[in-house]
C-alpha atoms as a PDB file:
ATOM      1  CA  MET A   1       0.000   0.000   0.000  1.00  0.00           C
ATOM      2  CA  ALA A   2       1.851   3.064  -1.220  1.00  0.00           C
ATOM      3  CA  GLY A   3       1.132   6.204   0.750  1.00  0.00           C
ATOM      4  CA  PRO A   4       1.729   9.809  -0.304  1.00  0.00           C
ATOM      5  CA  ASP A   5       5.201  11.233  -0.159  1.00  0.00           C
ATOM      6  CA  VAL A   6       5.470  13.015   3.155  1.00  0.00           C
ATOM      7  CA  ASP A   7       7.586  16.018   3.956  1.00  0.00           C
ATOM      8  CA  ALA A   8       9.428  16.342   7.248  1.00  0.00           C
ATOM      9  CA  PRO A   9       7.035  16.609  10.209  1.00  0.00           C
ATOM     10  CA  THR A  10       5.599  20.036  10.967  1.00  0.00           C
ATOM     11  CA  GLY A  11       4.674  19.340  14.562  1.00  0.00           C
ATOM     12  CA  ARG A  12       1.120  20.661  14.237  1.00  0.00           C
ATOM     13  CA  LEU A  13      -1.218  19.468  16.949  1.00  0.00           C
ATOM     14  CA  ILE A  14      -3.780  16.880  15.912  1.00  0.00           C
ATOM     15  CA  ARG A  15      -7.327  18.040  15.294  1.00  0.00           C
ATOM     16  CA  ALA A  16      -9.569  15.337  16.726  1.00  0.00           C
ATOM     17  CA  GLY A  17     -12.158  14.245  14.197  1.00  0.00           C
ATOM     18  CA  GLY A  18     -10.854  16.661  11.565  1.00  0.00           C
ATOM     19  CA  THR A  19     -11.195  16.062   7.848  1.00  0.00           C
ATOM     20  CA  THR A  20      -8.378  15.972   5.332  1.00  0.00           C
ATOM     21  CA  ALA A  21      -8.446  17.465   1.852  1.00  0.00           C
ATOM     22  CA  PRO A  22      -7.390  15.223  -1.050  1.00  0.00           C
ATOM     23  CA  GLY A  23      -3.599  15.028  -1.205  1.00  0.00           C
ATOM     24  CA  GLU A  24      -3.143  16.582   2.234  1.00  0.00           C
ATOM     25  CA  VAL A  25      -1.164  14.651   4.802  1.00  0.00           C
ATOM     26  CA  PRO A  26      -3.389  14.040   7.856  1.00  0.00           C
ATOM     27  CA  ASP A  27      -2.316  15.707  11.077  1.00  0.00           C
ATOM     28  CA  VAL A  28      -2.151  12.347  12.822  1.00  0.00           C
ATOM     29  CA  VAL A  29       0.464  11.176  10.322  1.00  0.00           C
ATOM     30  CA  ARG A  30       2.540  14.341  10.580  1.00  0.00           C
ATOM     31  CA  ASN A  31       2.543  14.222  14.365  1.00  0.00           C
ATOM     32  CA  ALA A  32       2.834  10.500  15.054  1.00  0.00           C
ATOM     33  CA  LEU A  33       6.626  10.545  15.317  1.00  0.00           C
ATOM     34  CA  ASN A  34       7.432  12.875  18.179  1.00  0.00           C
ATOM     35  CA  TRP A  35       9.908  13.341  21.003  1.00  0.00           C
ATOM     36  CA  PHE A  36       7.918  11.238  23.480  1.00  0.00           C
ATOM     37  CA  ALA A  37       7.911   8.244  21.139  1.00  0.00           C
ATOM     38  CA  LEU A  38      11.524   7.647  22.189  1.00  0.00           C
ATOM     39  CA  SER A  39      10.295   6.598  25.632  1.00  0.00           C
ATOM     40  CA  ALA A  40       8.538   3.630  23.990  1.00  0.00           C
ATOM     41  CA  ALA A  41      11.555   2.487  21.969  1.00  0.00           C
ATOM     42  CA  SER A  42      12.815  -0.262  24.288  1.00  0.00           C
ATOM     43  CA  ALA A  43       9.293  -1.549  24.846  1.00  0.00           C
ATOM     44  CA  ASN A  44       8.813  -1.868  21.111  1.00  0.00           C
ATOM     45  CA  VAL A  45      12.036  -3.832  20.772  1.00  0.00           C
ATOM     46  CA  VAL A  46      10.828  -6.195  23.501  1.00  0.00           C
ATOM     47  CA  MET A  47       7.526  -6.623  21.658  1.00  0.00           C
ATOM     48  CA  GLN A  48       9.225  -7.395  18.351  1.00  0.00           C
ATOM     49  CA  LEU A  49      11.672  -9.859  19.876  1.00  0.00           C
ATOM     50  CA  SER A  50       8.977 -11.664  21.869  1.00  0.00           C
ATOM     51  CA  LEU A  51       8.292 -13.632  18.712  1.00  0.00           C
ATOM     52  CA  LEU A  52      11.003 -16.201  19.282  1.00  0.00           C
ATOM     53  CA  PRO A  53      12.475 -16.427  15.750  1.00  0.00           C
ATOM     54  CA  VAL A  54      12.833 -12.627  15.698  1.00  0.00           C
ATOM     55  CA  GLY A  55      14.336 -12.627  19.173  1.00  0.00           C
ATOM     56  CA  ARG A  56      16.843 -15.331  18.364  1.00  0.00           C
ATOM     57  CA  GLY A  57      17.718 -13.668  15.063  1.00  0.00           C
ATOM     58  CA  VAL A  58      18.662 -10.478  16.882  1.00  0.00           C
ATOM     59  CA  ALA A  59      20.234 -11.992  19.996  1.00  0.00           C
ATOM     60  CA  GLU A  60      22.382 -14.374  17.931  1.00  0.00           C
ATOM     61  CA  SER A  61      23.060 -11.967  15.069  1.00  0.00           C
ATOM     62  CA  ARG A  62      26.487 -12.218  13.488  1.00  0.00           C
ATOM     63  CA  VAL A  63      26.135  -8.661  12.154  1.00  0.00           C
ATOM     64  CA  ASP A  64      28.197  -7.221  14.981  1.00  0.00           C
ATOM     65  CA  SER A  65      27.949  -3.600  13.831  1.00  0.00           C
ATOM     66  CA  GLY A  66      24.172  -3.699  14.163  1.00  0.00           C
ATOM     67  CA  ARG A  67      23.928  -5.046  17.714  1.00  0.00           C
ATOM     68  CA  VAL A  68      22.473  -2.541  20.157  1.00  0.00           C
ATOM     69  CA  ASP A  69      24.280  -4.180  23.094  1.00  0.00           C
ATOM     70  CA  ARG A  70      27.654  -3.563  21.412  1.00  0.00           C
ATOM     71  CA  HIS A  71      27.088  -0.456  19.303  1.00  0.00           C
ATOM     72  CA  PRO A  72      24.097   1.365  20.859  1.00  0.00           C
ATOM     73  CA  ILE A  73      24.722   4.741  19.177  1.00  0.00           C
ATOM     74  CA  LYS A  74      25.075   3.324  15.672  1.00  0.00           C
ATOM     75  CA  ARG A  75      22.148   0.974  16.148  1.00  0.00           C
ATOM     76  CA  GLY A  76      20.027   3.843  17.444  1.00  0.00           C
ATOM     77  CA  ARG A  77      20.863   5.961  14.412  1.00  0.00           C
ATOM     78  CA  THR A  78      20.028   3.247  11.911  1.00  0.00           C
ATOM     79  CA  THR A  79      16.827   2.132  13.652  1.00  0.00           C
ATOM     80  CA  LEU A  80      15.437   5.621  14.195  1.00  0.00           C
ATOM     81  CA  GLY A  81      16.559   6.629  10.721  1.00  0.00           C
ATOM     82  CA  TYR A  82      14.717   3.640   9.265  1.00  0.00           C
ATOM     83  CA  ILE A  83      11.518   4.609  11.075  1.00  0.00           C
ATOM     84  CA  ALA A  84      11.815   8.261  10.000  1.00  0.00           C
ATOM     85  CA  VAL A  85      12.337   7.376   6.326  1.00  0.00           C
ATOM     86  CA  ALA A  86       9.682   4.650   6.325  1.00  0.00           C
ATOM     87  CA  TRP A  87       7.174   7.123   7.754  1.00  0.00           C
ATOM     88  CA  HIS A  88       8.101  10.427   6.105  1.00  0.00           C
ATOM     89  CA  GLY A  89      10.284   9.460   3.141  1.00  0.00           C
ATOM     90  CA  THR A  90       9.564   9.480  -0.574  1.00  0.00           C
ATOM     91  CA  ASP A  91       9.137   6.272  -2.545  1.00  0.00           C
ATOM     92  CA  HIS A  92      12.704   6.637  -3.840  1.00  0.00           C
ATOM     93  CA  GLU A  93      14.124   7.132  -0.358  1.00  0.00           C
ATOM     94  CA  ARG A  94      12.274   4.107   0.934  1.00  0.00           C
ATOM     95  CA  GLU A  95      13.554   1.986  -1.956  1.00  0.00           C
ATOM     96  CA  VAL A  96      17.155   2.980  -1.182  1.00  0.00           C
ATOM     97  CA  LEU A  97      16.549   2.170   2.475  1.00  0.00           C
ATOM     98  CA  ARG A  98      15.063  -1.225   1.599  1.00  0.00           C
ATOM     99  CA  GLU A  99      18.183  -2.172  -0.335  1.00  0.00           C
ATOM    100  CA  GLU A 100      20.412  -1.065   2.541  1.00  0.00           C
ATOM    101  CA  VAL A 101      18.436  -3.154   5.024  1.00  0.00           C
ATOM    102  CA  ASN A 102      18.479  -6.145   2.681  1.00  0.00           C
ATOM    103  CA  LYS A 103      22.276  -6.127   2.671  1.00  0.00           C
ATOM    104  CA  GLN A 104      22.262  -6.664   6.423  1.00  0.00           C
ATOM    105  CA  HIS A 105      19.369  -9.112   6.455  1.00  0.00           C
ATOM    106  CA  ARG A 106      21.151 -11.446   4.046  1.00  0.00           C
ATOM    107  CA  GLN A 107      23.521 -12.280   6.899  1.00  0.00           C
ATOM    108  CA  VAL A 108      20.795 -12.989   9.465  1.00  0.00           C
ATOM    109  CA  ARG A 109      19.706 -16.617   9.256  1.00  0.00           C
ATOM    110  CA  SER A 110      19.853 -19.474  11.695  1.00  0.00           C
ATOM    111  CA  PRO A 111      22.822 -21.861  11.465  1.00  0.00           C
ATOM    112  CA  PRO A 112      22.007 -25.517  10.716  1.00  0.00           C
ATOM    113  CA  SER A 113      22.555 -26.457  14.350  1.00  0.00           C
ATOM    114  CA  SER A 114      20.129 -23.854  15.750  1.00  0.00           C
ATOM    115  CA  GLU A 115      17.146 -25.148  17.690  1.00  0.00           C
ATOM    116  CA  VAL A 116      15.127 -22.090  16.552  1.00  0.00           C
ATOM    117  CA  LYS A 117      14.925 -21.489  12.810  1.00  0.00           C
ATOM    118  CA  TYR A 118      14.855 -17.932  11.527  1.00  0.00           C
ATOM    119  CA  ASN A 119      15.562 -15.938   8.406  1.00  0.00           C
ATOM    120  CA  ALA A 120      15.466 -12.139   8.290  1.00  0.00           C
ATOM    121  CA  PHE A 121      13.819 -12.327   4.852  1.00  0.00           C
ATOM    122  CA  ASP A 122      10.830 -14.197   6.268  1.00  0.00           C
ATOM    123  CA  ARG A 123       7.920 -11.880   5.457  1.00  0.00           C
ATOM    124  CA  ARG A 124       5.835 -13.197   8.336  1.00  0.00           C
ATOM    125  CA  LEU A 125       8.525 -12.076  10.770  1.00  0.00           C
ATOM    126  CA  GLN A 126       8.839  -8.709   9.038  1.00  0.00           C
ATOM    127  CA  LEU A 127       5.065  -8.262   9.247  1.00  0.00           C
ATOM    128  CA  TRP A 128       5.228  -8.848  12.990  1.00  0.00           C
ATOM    129  CA  VAL A 129       7.969  -6.230  13.394  1.00  0.00           C
ATOM    130  CA  ALA A 130       5.873  -3.711  11.426  1.00  0.00           C
ATOM    131  CA  ALA A 131       2.797  -4.562  13.489  1.00  0.00           C
ATOM    132  CA  CYS A 132       4.690  -3.797  16.696  1.00  0.00           C
ATOM    133  CA  LEU A 133       5.831  -0.453  15.283  1.00  0.00           C
ATOM    134  CA  LEU A 134       2.213   0.425  14.505  1.00  0.00           C
ATOM    135  CA  LYS A 135       1.104  -0.565  18.012  1.00  0.00           C
ATOM    136  CA  GLY A 136       3.777   1.560  19.619  1.00  0.00           C
ATOM    137  CA  THR A 137       3.043   4.546  17.375  1.00  0.00           C
ATOM    138  CA  GLN A 138      -0.671   4.351  18.064  1.00  0.00           C
ATOM    139  CA  ASP A 139      -0.139   4.084  21.830  1.00  0.00           C
ATOM    140  CA  VAL A 140       2.004   7.234  21.902  1.00  0.00           C
ATOM    141  CA  VAL A 141      -0.522   9.163  19.784  1.00  0.00           C
ATOM    142  CA  GLU A 142      -3.354   8.221  22.124  1.00  0.00           C
ATOM    143  CA  VAL A 143      -1.361   9.180  25.225  1.00  0.00           C
ATOM    144  CA  LEU A 144      -0.313  12.587  23.862  1.00  0.00           C
ATOM    145  CA  TYR A 145      -3.476  13.559  21.976  1.00  0.00           C
ATOM    146  CA  GLY A 146      -6.274  11.583  23.591  1.00  0.00           C
ATOM    147  CA  ASN A 147      -9.258  10.605  21.465  1.00  0.00           C
ATOM    148  CA  VAL A 148      -8.282  11.617  17.938  1.00  0.00           C
ATOM    149  CA  GLY A 149     -11.311   9.920  16.366  1.00  0.00           C
ATOM    150  CA  SER A 150     -11.792   6.851  14.221  1.00  0.00           C
ATOM    151  CA  GLN A 151     -10.956   8.662  10.973  1.00  0.00           C
ATOM    152  CA  ALA A 152      -7.556   9.719  12.304  1.00  0.00           C
ATOM    153  CA  LEU A 153      -6.853   6.201  13.547  1.00  0.00           C
ATOM    154  CA  ASP A 154      -7.814   4.827  10.121  1.00  0.00           C
ATOM    155  CA  ASP A 155      -5.427   7.317   8.489  1.00  0.00           C
ATOM    156  CA  LEU A 156      -2.680   6.311  10.901  1.00  0.00           C
ATOM    157  CA  TYR A 157      -3.284   2.633  10.236  1.00  0.00           C
ATOM    158  CA  ARG A 158      -3.188   2.938   6.460  1.00  0.00           C
ATOM    159  CA  HIS A 159       0.004   4.979   6.557  1.00  0.00           C
ATOM    160  CA  ALA A 160       1.656   2.513   8.951  1.00  0.00           C
ATOM    161  CA  SER A 161       1.673  -0.086   6.173  1.00  0.00           C
ATOM    162  CA  ARG A 162       4.904   1.677   5.178  1.00  0.00           C
ATOM    163  CA  PHE A 163       6.610   0.032   8.149  1.00  0.00           C
ATOM    164  CA  ALA A 164       5.972  -3.290   6.407  1.00  0.00           C
ATOM    165  CA  THR A 165       6.351  -2.410   2.736  1.00  0.00           C
ATOM    166  CA  THR A 166       9.633  -0.551   3.330  1.00  0.00           C
ATOM    167  CA  LEU A 167      10.893  -4.011   4.224  1.00  0.00           C
ATOM    168  CA  GLN A 168       9.774  -6.824   1.916  1.00  0.00           C
ATOM    169  CA  VAL A 169       6.185  -7.314   2.978  1.00  0.00           C
ATOM    170  CA  PRO A 170       3.862  -7.034  -0.048  1.00  0.00           C
ATOM    171  CA  PRO A 171       0.908  -4.638   0.347  1.00  0.00           C
ATOM    172  CA  ASP A 172      -1.654  -7.435   0.378  1.00  0.00           C
ATOM    173  CA  MET A 173      -0.070  -8.982   3.490  1.00  0.00           C
ATOM    174  CA  TRP A 174      -0.886  -5.882   5.543  1.00  0.00           C
ATOM    175  CA  PRO A 175      -4.315  -6.514   7.149  1.00  0.00           C
ATOM    176  CA  ALA A 176      -7.013  -4.697   5.204  1.00  0.00           C
ATOM    177  CA  ASP A 177      -8.283  -2.492   8.049  1.00  0.00           C
ATOM    178  CA  ARG A 178      -8.039  -1.974  11.790  1.00  0.00           C
ATOM    179  CA  ASP A 179     -10.513  -4.756  12.546  1.00  0.00           C
ATOM    180  CA  ALA A 180      -8.501  -7.207  10.464  1.00  0.00           C
ATOM    181  CA  PHE A 181      -5.355  -6.034  12.207  1.00  0.00           C
ATOM    182  CA  GLU A 182      -6.837  -6.621  15.655  1.00  0.00           C
ATOM    183  CA  LYS A 183      -7.721 -10.180  14.617  1.00  0.00           C
ATOM    184  CA  TYR A 184      -4.161 -10.690  13.349  1.00  0.00           C
ATOM    185  CA  TRP A 185      -2.737  -9.246  16.576  1.00  0.00           C
ATOM    186  CA  ARG A 186      -4.839 -11.421  18.879  1.00  0.00           C
ATOM    187  CA  GLU A 187      -3.784 -14.532  16.995  1.00  0.00           C
ATOM    188  CA  ALA A 188      -0.125 -13.489  16.798  1.00  0.00           C
ATOM    189  CA  ILE A 189       0.326 -12.941  20.528  1.00  0.00           C
ATOM    190  CA  GLU A 190      -0.703 -16.551  21.131  1.00  0.00           C
ATOM    191  CA  ASP A 191       2.601 -17.580  19.521  1.00  0.00           C
ATOM    192  CA  LEU A 192       4.874 -15.355  21.591  1.00  0.00           C
ATOM    193  CA  SER A 193       7.566 -16.834  23.811  1.00  0.00           C
ATOM    194  CA  MET A 194      10.971 -16.142  25.312  1.00  0.00           C
ATOM    195  CA  ASP A 195      13.683 -18.626  26.138  1.00  0.00           C
ATOM    196  CA  LYS A 196      17.018 -18.841  27.942  1.00  0.00           C
ATOM    197  CA  VAL A 197      18.650 -16.749  25.198  1.00  0.00           C
ATOM    198  CA  THR A 198      16.089 -14.046  24.499  1.00  0.00           C
ATOM    199  CA  ARG A 199      14.701 -13.361  27.988  1.00  0.00           C
ATOM    200  CA  PRO A 200      18.047 -12.272  29.522  1.00  0.00           C
ATOM    201  CA  TYR A 201      18.790 -10.264  26.381  1.00  0.00           C
ATOM    202  CA  LEU A 202      15.456  -8.420  26.610  1.00  0.00           C
ATOM    203  CA  ARG A 203      15.693  -7.873  30.353  1.00  0.00           C
ATOM    204  CA  GLY A 204      19.053  -6.259  29.679  1.00  0.00           C
ATOM    205  CA  MET A 205      17.368  -4.079  27.063  1.00  0.00           C
ATOM    206  CA  ALA A 206      14.818  -2.911  29.625  1.00  0.00           C
ATOM    207  CA  THR A 207      17.420  -2.077  32.267  1.00  0.00           C
ATOM    208  CA  LEU A 208      20.147  -0.881  29.862  1.00  0.00           C
ATOM    209  CA  ALA A 209      22.443  -3.542  31.299  1.00  0.00           C
ATOM    210  CA  PHE A 210      24.699  -3.305  28.239  1.00  0.00           C
ATOM    211  CA  LEU A 211      25.724   0.287  29.029  1.00  0.00           C
ATOM    212  CA  PRO A 212      28.778   1.169  31.169  1.00  0.00           C
ATOM    213  CA  ALA A 213      28.037   1.254  34.881  1.00  0.00           C
ATOM    214  CA  PRO A 214      27.628   5.038  35.380  1.00  0.00           C
ATOM    215  CA  LEU A 215      25.177   5.362  32.473  1.00  0.00           C
ATOM    216  CA  ARG A 216      23.330   2.199  33.456  1.00  0.00           C
ATOM    217  CA  TRP A 217      22.858   3.448  37.010  1.00  0.00           C
ATOM    218  CA  VAL A 218      21.613   6.874  35.904  1.00  0.00           C
ATOM    219  CA  PHE A 219      19.316   5.944  33.010  1.00  0.00           C
ATOM    220  CA  GLY A 220      18.463   2.299  33.711  1.00  0.00           C
ATOM    221  CA  PRO A 221      15.650   2.814  36.252  1.00  0.00           C
ATOM    222  CA  THR A 222      13.836   5.340  34.048  1.00  0.00           C
ATOM    223  CA  ASN A 223      14.203   3.158  30.971  1.00  0.00           C
ATOM    224  CA  ARG A 224      12.862   0.189  32.918  1.00  0.00           C
ATOM    225  CA  LEU A 225       9.821   2.211  34.044  1.00  0.00           C
ATOM    226  CA  PHE A 226       8.941   3.303  30.514  1.00  0.00           C
ATOM    227  CA  THR A 227       9.720  -0.070  28.956  1.00  0.00           C
ATOM    228  CA  LEU A 228       7.417  -1.952  31.296  1.00  0.00           C
ATOM    229  CA  GLY A 229       4.872   0.869  31.273  1.00  0.00           C
ATOM    230  CA  TRP A 230       4.428   0.797  27.505  1.00  0.00           C
ATOM    231  CA  LEU A 231       4.340  -2.991  27.298  1.00  0.00           C
ATOM    232  CA  PRO A 232       0.953  -4.725  27.101  1.00  0.00           C
ATOM    233  CA  PRO A 233       0.437  -7.150  30.011  1.00  0.00           C
ATOM    234  CA  GLU A 234       1.112 -10.250  27.892  1.00  0.00           C
ATOM    235  CA  PHE A 235       4.623  -9.055  27.081  1.00  0.00           C
ATOM    236  CA  ARG A 236       5.301  -7.898  30.611  1.00  0.00           C
ATOM    237  CA  GLU A 237       4.407 -11.347  31.893  1.00  0.00           C
ATOM    238  CA  LEU A 238       6.773 -13.008  29.407  1.00  0.00           C
ATOM    239  CA  LEU A 239       9.591 -10.712  30.454  1.00  0.00           C
ATOM    240  CA  GLY A 240       9.108 -11.684  34.089  1.00  0.00           C
ATOM    241  CA  LEU A 241      10.020  -8.323  35.637  1.00  0.00           C
ATOM    242  CA  PRO A 242       7.800  -7.098  38.491  1.00  0.00           C
ATOM    243  CA  TRP A 243       5.325  -4.262  37.857  1.00  0.00           C
ATOM    244  CA  THR A 244       3.445  -2.728  40.770  1.00  0.00           C
ATOM    245  CA  GLU A 245       0.500  -0.367  41.162  1.00  0.00           C
ATOM    246  CA  ARG A 246       2.983   2.275  42.265  1.00  0.00           C
ATOM    247  CA  ASP A 247       4.923   1.766  39.046  1.00  0.00           C
ATOM    248  CA  GLN A 248       1.718   2.199  37.050  1.00  0.00           C
ATOM    249  CA  ARG A 249       0.886   5.450  38.847  1.00  0.00           C
ATOM    250  CA  ARG A 250       4.372   6.802  38.173  1.00  0.00           C
ATOM    251  CA  PHE A 251       4.094   5.884  34.501  1.00  0.00           C
ATOM    252  CA  ASP A 252       0.644   7.469  34.194  1.00  0.00           C
ATOM    253  CA  ARG A 253       1.876  10.695  35.809  1.00  0.00           C
ATOM    254  CA  ALA A 254       4.824  10.829  33.412  1.00  0.00           C
ATOM    255  CA  CYS A 255       2.483  10.409  30.435  1.00  0.00           C
ATOM    256  CA  ARG A 256       0.152  13.171  31.624  1.00  0.00           C
ATOM    257  CA  ARG A 257       3.115  15.461  32.134  1.00  0.00           C
ATOM    258  CA  ALA A 258       4.410  14.650  28.651  1.00  0.00           C
ATOM    259  CA  ALA A 259       1.042  15.497  27.102  1.00  0.00           C
ATOM    260  CA  ARG A 260       1.088  18.925  28.793  1.00  0.00           C
ATOM    261  CA  ILE A 261       4.650  19.575  27.649  1.00  0.00           C
ATOM    262  CA  ASN A 262       3.842  18.486  24.114  1.00  0.00           C
ATOM    263  CA  ARG A 263       1.102  21.111  23.791  1.00  0.00           C
ATOM    264  CA  VAL A 264       3.526  23.985  24.360  1.00  0.00           C
ATOM    265  CA  LEU A 265       6.628  22.732  22.568  1.00  0.00           C
ATOM    266  CA  PRO A 266       7.646  24.530  19.361  1.00  0.00           C
ATOM    267  CA  PRO A 267       7.048  22.361  16.273  1.00  0.00           C
ATOM    268  CA  VAL A 268      10.746  21.725  15.641  1.00  0.00           C
ATOM    269  CA  LEU A 269      11.207  20.376  19.181  1.00  0.00           C
ATOM    270  CA  ARG A 270       7.987  18.401  19.081  1.00  0.00           C
ATOM    271  CA  ALA A 271       9.266  16.600  15.986  1.00  0.00           C
ATOM    272  CA  TRP A 272      12.764  15.960  17.398  1.00  0.00           C
ATOM    273  CA  PRO A 273      14.773  13.761  16.920  1.00  0.00           C
ATOM    274  CA  TRP A 274      12.922  12.322  13.917  1.00  0.00           C
ATOM    275  CA  ASN A 275      13.462  15.495  11.888  1.00  0.00           C
ATOM    276  CA  MET A 276      17.185  15.213  12.601  1.00  0.00           C
ATOM    277  CA  TYR A 277      17.336  11.525  11.606  1.00  0.00           C
ATOM    278  CA  LEU A 278      15.300  12.190   8.473  1.00  0.00           C
ATOM    279  CA  TRP A 279      17.694  14.976   7.507  1.00  0.00           C
ATOM    280  CA  ASP A 280      20.703  12.723   8.149  1.00  0.00           C
ATOM    281  CA  ALA A 281      19.201   9.854   6.136  1.00  0.00           C
ATOM    282  CA  ARG A 282      18.436  12.126   3.194  1.00  0.00           C
ATOM    283  CA  ARG A 283      21.955  13.520   3.320  1.00  0.00           C
ATOM    284  CA  ARG A 284      23.415  10.013   3.231  1.00  0.00           C
ATOM    285  CA  ILE A 285      21.150   8.966   0.371  1.00  0.00           C
ATOM    286  CA  HIS A 286      22.003  12.097  -1.636  1.00  0.00           C
ATOM    287  CA  LYS A 287      25.742  11.543  -1.178  1.00  0.00           C
ATOM    288  CA  GLY A 288      25.554   7.797  -1.758  1.00  0.00           C
ATOM    289  CA  ARG A 289      26.888   7.041   1.697  1.00  0.00           C
ATOM    290  CA  PRO A 290      25.914   3.810   3.511  1.00  0.00           C
ATOM    291  CA  PHE A 291      22.868   4.165   5.681  1.00  0.00           C
ATOM    292  CA  VAL A 292      23.042   0.977   7.735  1.00  0.00           C
END
């Protein structure tokens, strides 16, 4: 499903229930990637990797330069850059990005001896990753903007097919509408699991255990709060980290505070850092420099 080419985000606030003129990019699409979405990043990784073949593919990856536990800055740039281009990029930019990702994915496949079989070119696994990105995006939109209306959510859903088609998922694999997606999601979460390899890896993602001690001590507790806070209960249970009513109250307060801040932020700050990553990706594409 090819969406319209989208310029860099403007940061306009979303008009609940508003209509969109033909060819105009809906507010909900322009504003979906925002500064507060970063707080849901680790939770989304946990969601994606809770499908065991995806989790094993990442935890056992031989593409050392792309491992977040070894190269967190580079991995952050490529992941956030991918999301920014998939969401806001032109068809040409997304095609260049797809080829860059394919180069890395060719190296991600299970060895013959592996007890869990995976292949990064498996479209079913790619569809799951895209579905998690949609879920995370929608959750952040609802927290920051409240009830945006069914039309806005439909617009968001249709545009989110780019998360899948910027990989190798054909348009007809993306569920036809939000109802079809909910059916797909309910069935998919029945197949989720973690094992002795992926659970420790994902717990370390939640607590930032891979960072040097000073950074881990400073940022780990906050990252853990937001990771568990954004996770649906099914994923939280798989992860096996405790979550209390006090934790939930702290998370809810942080979300309410973020919504108030978001209303007064200038557009360029509201759209940060996605505008920066989109600019960097376009610069790399224009100069023919590697993206991944």
